[in-house]
Amino acid sequence: MENEQTLTPEEELEDLLYELFELDFDEEEAIKEVEADVYSFLQQKNDNICALIVLMFIEIMRGNRYKAQSLAYKIWEIGGELPSFFEMIYIENLLSLGLVDMAAILLKPRFEQLAQNIEDFYSVLLKFSVMTGNVALLRRMEGFPAVSKDDAPLFDFANNFTRAGKSDVFKNIQKIILDALGEHICAYEYLLIEANPPHLEIRLYLNAEEARCLVLQQQIRQKIQAYLLSAGETASDLISPVVLNIKSHEAWLPAESEV
């Protein structure tokens, strides 16, 4: 009889993360089941940094921004070297909370050695570049088509601003969005709508009622329009923020179909 493979604590916690990735953010009962497993790790070692990162993601899913942010700072204080996967998820969590400056510190060495890091950190390198409106970083990532080819339309969208001599417009709109809601978001996603012309939808998830989300969405769109008007720009719909309740956030990964 073959010996059963024994998973390391990090591998078990990674499996728990993938369970969470298959859940919509409103599936609270299933989230609680995973949370109970995470706490079993923390009972053995209350500063298990990988377990704290999983717990941080759980609090983000629930829209508990204050708790998630407290965990972000606790993890930061504990420090130490992390497995690449958990470092990537921690950075993703920081970006979800709009803690861009903290994420930038961790991503800087990854950008400095992009060829060695793009495969493991591609998703967070890309999200950081979009969130900060950094066209130069996006163009660098475009240079690794083996990893980035699926996002060619996004790179082309950003490059259109450069070709028009308006990369500062792309950057400033992203700054307006983060300045307005960065301290309130629980998740940040984006979607390129390949229409004619294409436009970039920025999805900001908050722990707020739908009516409040709509008010904030209107306010932030007005700020963008005011900026574009002052800059003499007319294309106000190329980048459109959408403010949503965190519970409407769908699963990161589709659940595997049952056979």
Protein backbone atom coordinates (compact mmCIF):
# COMPACT_ATOMS: atom_id res chain seq x y z
CA MET A 1 0.00 0.00 0.00
CA GLU A 2 1.46 3.37 -1.00
CA ASN A 3 2.07 6.02 1.64
CA GLU A 4 -0.32 8.93 1.46
CA GLN A 5 1.37 12.17 0.52
CA THR A 6 1.69 14.51 3.48
CA LEU A 7 1.06 18.14 2.67
CA THR A 8 3.06 20.91 4.31
CA PRO A 9 1.09 23.57 6.25
CA GLU A 10 1.74 26.02 3.38
CA GLU A 11 0.32 23.54 0.86
CA GLU A 12 -2.78 22.99 3.00
CA LEU A 13 -3.30 26.73 3.32
CA GLU A 14 -2.83 27.15 -0.42
CA ASP A 15 -5.57 24.55 -0.95
CA LEU A 16 -7.83 26.56 1.37
CA LEU A 17 -7.17 29.68 -0.69
CA TYR A 18 -8.19 27.87 -3.85
CA GLU A 19 -11.40 26.81 -2.10
CA LEU A 20 -12.07 30.49 -1.44
CA PHE A 21 -11.22 31.43 -5.03
CA GLU A 22 -14.11 29.23 -6.19
CA LEU A 23 -16.64 31.01 -3.97
CA ASP A 24 -18.73 34.06 -4.75
CA PHE A 25 -18.20 36.67 -2.05
CA ASP A 26 -21.74 36.25 -0.71
CA GLU A 27 -21.33 32.52 0.09
CA GLU A 28 -20.89 33.15 3.81
CA GLU A 29 -21.53 29.63 5.08
CA ALA A 30 -18.87 28.15 2.83
CA ILE A 31 -16.50 30.97 3.78
CA LYS A 32 -17.06 30.16 7.47
CA GLU A 33 -16.09 26.54 6.88
CA VAL A 34 -12.77 27.59 5.37
CA GLU A 35 -12.26 30.14 8.14
CA ALA A 36 -12.60 27.40 10.77
CA ASP A 37 -9.79 25.46 9.08
CA VAL A 38 -7.61 28.57 9.01
CA TYR A 39 -8.08 29.13 12.73
CA SER A 40 -6.86 25.60 13.41
CA PHE A 41 -3.50 26.70 11.98
CA LEU A 42 -3.53 29.89 14.02
CA GLN A 43 -4.24 27.95 17.22
CA GLN A 44 -0.99 26.10 16.68
CA LYS A 45 0.92 29.28 15.83
CA ASN A 46 -0.89 32.60 16.12
CA ASP A 47 1.61 34.41 13.90
CA ASN A 48 1.52 31.90 11.04
CA ILE A 49 1.93 34.50 8.32
CA CYS A 50 0.47 32.35 5.53
CA ALA A 51 -2.64 31.65 7.62
CA LEU A 52 -2.97 35.38 8.35
CA ILE A 53 -2.86 36.12 4.62
CA VAL A 54 -5.70 33.64 4.04
CA LEU A 55 -7.65 35.22 6.90
CA MET A 56 -7.04 38.66 5.40
CA PHE A 57 -8.54 37.48 2.11
CA ILE A 58 -11.56 36.14 4.00
CA GLU A 59 -12.14 39.53 5.64
CA ILE A 60 -11.87 41.19 2.23
CA MET A 61 -14.52 38.81 0.88
CA ARG A 62 -16.78 39.84 3.76
CA GLY A 63 -16.18 43.52 3.21
CA ASN A 64 -14.58 43.87 6.64
CA ARG A 65 -12.10 46.48 5.50
CA TYR A 66 -10.97 47.51 8.99
CA LYS A 67 -10.15 43.93 10.01
CA ALA A 68 -8.44 43.20 6.69
CA GLN A 69 -6.35 46.36 6.97
CA SER A 70 -5.37 45.51 10.55
CA LEU A 71 -4.19 42.11 9.34
CA ALA A 72 -2.26 43.80 6.53
CA TYR A 73 -0.29 45.83 9.08
CA LYS A 74 0.21 42.83 11.38
CA ILE A 75 1.60 40.74 8.53
CA TRP A 76 3.84 43.65 7.53
CA GLU A 77 5.22 43.92 11.07
CA ILE A 78 5.91 40.18 11.32
CA GLY A 79 7.79 40.32 8.01
CA GLY A 80 10.14 37.60 6.90
CA GLU A 81 10.43 35.73 3.63
CA LEU A 82 7.26 34.29 2.12
CA PRO A 83 6.64 31.58 -0.47
CA SER A 84 6.11 33.37 -3.80
CA PHE A 85 2.46 32.34 -4.01
CA PHE A 86 1.60 33.79 -0.60
CA GLU A 87 3.57 36.96 -1.26
CA MET A 88 1.59 37.38 -4.48
CA ILE A 89 -1.72 36.93 -2.61
CA TYR A 90 -0.63 39.36 0.10
CA ILE A 91 0.15 41.97 -2.57
CA GLU A 92 -3.23 41.25 -4.18
CA ASN A 93 -4.88 41.82 -0.81
CA LEU A 94 -3.02 45.13 -0.38
CA LEU A 95 -4.20 46.28 -3.81
CA SER A 96 -7.77 45.23 -2.98
CA LEU A 97 -7.65 47.61 -0.01
CA GLY A 98 -6.08 50.42 -2.01
CA LEU A 99 -2.83 50.14 -0.01
CA VAL A 100 -0.86 50.89 -3.14
CA ASP A 101 2.21 52.36 -1.40
CA MET A 102 2.75 49.16 0.59
CA ALA A 103 2.26 47.05 -2.52
CA ALA A 104 4.74 49.24 -4.40
CA ILE A 105 7.49 48.49 -1.88
CA LEU A 106 7.04 44.74 -2.41
CA LEU A 107 6.68 45.03 -6.18
CA LYS A 108 9.65 47.31 -6.81
CA PRO A 109 12.26 44.49 -6.74
CA ARG A 110 9.94 42.38 -8.90
CA PHE A 111 9.79 45.09 -11.55
CA GLU A 112 13.57 45.58 -11.31
CA GLN A 113 14.05 41.91 -12.21
CA LEU A 114 10.98 41.51 -14.36
CA ALA A 115 12.16 38.57 -16.44
CA GLN A 116 12.71 36.46 -13.30
CA ASN A 117 9.44 37.47 -11.65
CA ILE A 118 6.81 38.05 -14.31
CA GLU A 119 5.53 34.49 -14.35
CA ASP A 120 4.88 34.24 -10.58
CA PHE A 121 3.75 37.83 -10.05
CA TYR A 122 2.15 38.71 -13.38
CA SER A 123 -1.39 39.30 -12.09
CA VAL A 124 -0.39 41.73 -9.33
CA LEU A 125 2.23 43.48 -11.48
CA LEU A 126 -0.49 44.06 -14.07
CA LYS A 127 -3.11 45.22 -11.56
CA PHE A 128 -0.66 47.61 -9.90
CA SER A 129 0.25 49.09 -13.30
CA VAL A 130 -3.42 49.63 -14.16
CA MET A 131 -4.32 51.04 -10.74
CA THR A 132 -1.50 53.58 -10.92
CA GLY A 133 -2.02 54.31 -14.60
CA ASN A 134 1.63 53.55 -15.31
CA VAL A 135 1.80 53.05 -19.06
CA ALA A 136 5.59 52.60 -18.98
CA LEU A 137 5.26 49.56 -16.70
CA LEU A 138 2.51 48.15 -18.88
CA ARG A 139 4.71 48.49 -21.94
CA ARG A 140 7.51 46.61 -20.17
CA MET A 141 5.16 43.77 -19.33
CA GLU A 142 3.92 43.68 -22.91
CA GLY A 143 7.45 42.68 -23.85
CA PHE A 144 6.90 39.19 -22.37
CA PRO A 145 4.22 37.79 -24.71
CA ALA A 146 4.64 34.22 -23.45
CA VAL A 147 2.97 35.41 -20.23
CA SER A 148 1.08 38.53 -21.27
CA LYS A 149 -0.32 37.72 -24.74
CA ASP A 150 -3.91 37.29 -23.48
CA ASP A 151 -3.89 40.92 -22.35
CA ALA A 152 -2.76 42.31 -25.70
CA PRO A 153 -6.00 44.37 -26.07
CA LEU A 154 -5.37 45.99 -22.68
CA PHE A 155 -1.82 46.92 -23.63
CA ASP A 156 -3.04 48.34 -26.92
CA PHE A 157 -5.68 50.37 -25.06
CA ALA A 158 -3.02 51.89 -22.79
CA ASN A 159 -0.65 52.44 -25.71
CA ASN A 160 -3.33 54.48 -27.48
CA PHE A 161 -2.91 57.11 -24.77
CA THR A 162 0.85 57.14 -25.35
CA ARG A 163 0.50 57.38 -29.12
CA ALA A 164 -1.82 60.35 -28.65
CA GLY A 165 0.65 61.96 -26.24
CA LYS A 166 -1.85 61.61 -23.41
CA SER A 167 -0.36 59.01 -21.06
CA ASP A 168 -0.75 61.58 -18.27
CA VAL A 169 -4.53 61.48 -18.83
CA PHE A 170 -4.56 57.72 -18.25
CA LYS A 171 -2.49 58.15 -15.09
CA ASN A 172 -4.47 61.09 -13.72
CA ILE A 173 -7.84 59.39 -14.14
CA GLN A 174 -6.58 56.38 -12.16
CA LYS A 175 -5.26 58.75 -9.49
CA ILE A 176 -8.63 60.49 -9.25
CA ILE A 177 -10.30 57.11 -8.73
CA LEU A 178 -7.91 56.02 -5.98
CA ASP A 179 -7.88 59.42 -4.28
CA ALA A 180 -11.67 59.40 -4.17
CA LEU A 181 -12.33 55.86 -2.97
CA GLY A 182 -9.00 54.19 -2.27
CA GLU A 183 -9.48 54.39 1.50
CA HIS A 184 -12.88 52.70 1.28
CA ILE A 185 -12.54 49.90 -1.26
CA CYS A 186 -12.57 46.22 -0.35
CA ALA A 187 -11.69 45.01 -3.85
CA TYR A 188 -10.53 46.53 -7.13
CA GLU A 189 -11.05 44.83 -10.47
CA TYR A 190 -10.96 45.99 -14.07
CA LEU A 191 -12.40 44.81 -17.35
CA LEU A 192 -11.58 45.98 -20.85
CA ILE A 193 -14.78 46.26 -22.86
CA GLU A 194 -13.79 45.60 -26.47
CA ALA A 195 -16.34 47.92 -28.07
CA ASN A 196 -15.67 50.60 -30.68
CA PRO A 197 -13.87 52.38 -29.23
CA PRO A 198 -12.84 50.04 -26.38
CA HIS A 199 -13.15 51.32 -22.84
CA LEU A 200 -11.80 50.25 -19.48
CA GLU A 201 -14.30 49.55 -16.71
CA ILE A 202 -12.86 49.97 -13.21
CA ARG A 203 -14.91 48.01 -10.67
CA LEU A 204 -14.65 49.28 -7.11
CA TYR A 205 -16.24 47.06 -4.48
CA LEU A 206 -17.34 48.61 -1.19
CA ASN A 207 -19.17 47.47 1.92
CA ALA A 208 -22.03 49.84 1.21
CA GLU A 209 -25.66 49.64 0.18
CA GLU A 210 -26.48 49.80 -3.53
CA ALA A 211 -27.96 53.29 -3.28
CA ARG A 212 -24.78 54.60 -1.62
CA CYS A 213 -22.66 52.89 -4.27
CA LEU A 214 -24.60 54.64 -7.02
CA VAL A 215 -24.16 58.04 -5.36
CA LEU A 216 -20.40 57.48 -5.03
CA GLN A 217 -20.21 56.26 -8.61
CA GLN A 218 -21.87 59.43 -9.85
CA GLN A 219 -19.58 61.62 -7.73
CA ILE A 220 -16.41 60.00 -8.98
CA ARG A 221 -17.54 60.16 -12.61
CA GLN A 222 -18.24 63.87 -12.16
CA LYS A 223 -14.71 64.37 -10.82
CA ILE A 224 -13.27 62.64 -13.86
CA GLN A 225 -15.41 64.72 -16.20
CA ALA A 226 -14.34 67.91 -14.43
CA TYR A 227 -10.69 66.94 -14.82
CA LEU A 228 -11.10 66.10 -18.50
CA LEU A 229 -12.90 69.37 -19.12
CA SER A 230 -10.11 71.32 -17.43
CA ALA A 231 -7.53 69.41 -19.49
CA GLY A 232 -9.39 70.11 -22.71
CA GLU A 233 -10.27 66.46 -23.25
CA THR A 234 -13.63 65.26 -24.56
CA ALA A 235 -13.45 61.44 -24.39
CA SER A 236 -14.86 61.02 -20.89
CA ASP A 237 -16.08 57.45 -21.26
CA LEU A 238 -12.84 55.62 -22.14
CA ILE A 239 -12.29 54.81 -18.47
CA SER A 240 -15.48 54.34 -16.46
CA PRO A 241 -15.56 53.55 -12.73
CA VAL A 242 -18.37 51.35 -11.45
CA VAL A 243 -19.05 51.16 -7.69
CA LEU A 244 -20.55 47.92 -6.41
CA ASN A 245 -21.40 46.17 -3.16
CA ILE A 246 -18.71 43.67 -2.19
CA LYS A 247 -21.27 40.86 -1.99
CA SER A 248 -21.82 41.14 -5.74
CA HIS A 249 -18.20 40.14 -6.38
CA GLU A 250 -18.13 36.85 -8.23
CA ALA A 251 -15.67 34.03 -7.59
CA TRP A 252 -12.14 34.54 -8.82
CA LEU A 253 -12.17 31.07 -10.38
CA PRO A 254 -15.12 29.14 -11.77
CA ALA A 255 -15.92 26.04 -9.77
CA GLU A 256 -14.96 22.77 -11.45
CA SER A 257 -17.90 21.13 -13.17
CA GLU A 258 -19.06 17.90 -11.62
CA VAL A 259 -18.76 14.85 -13.85
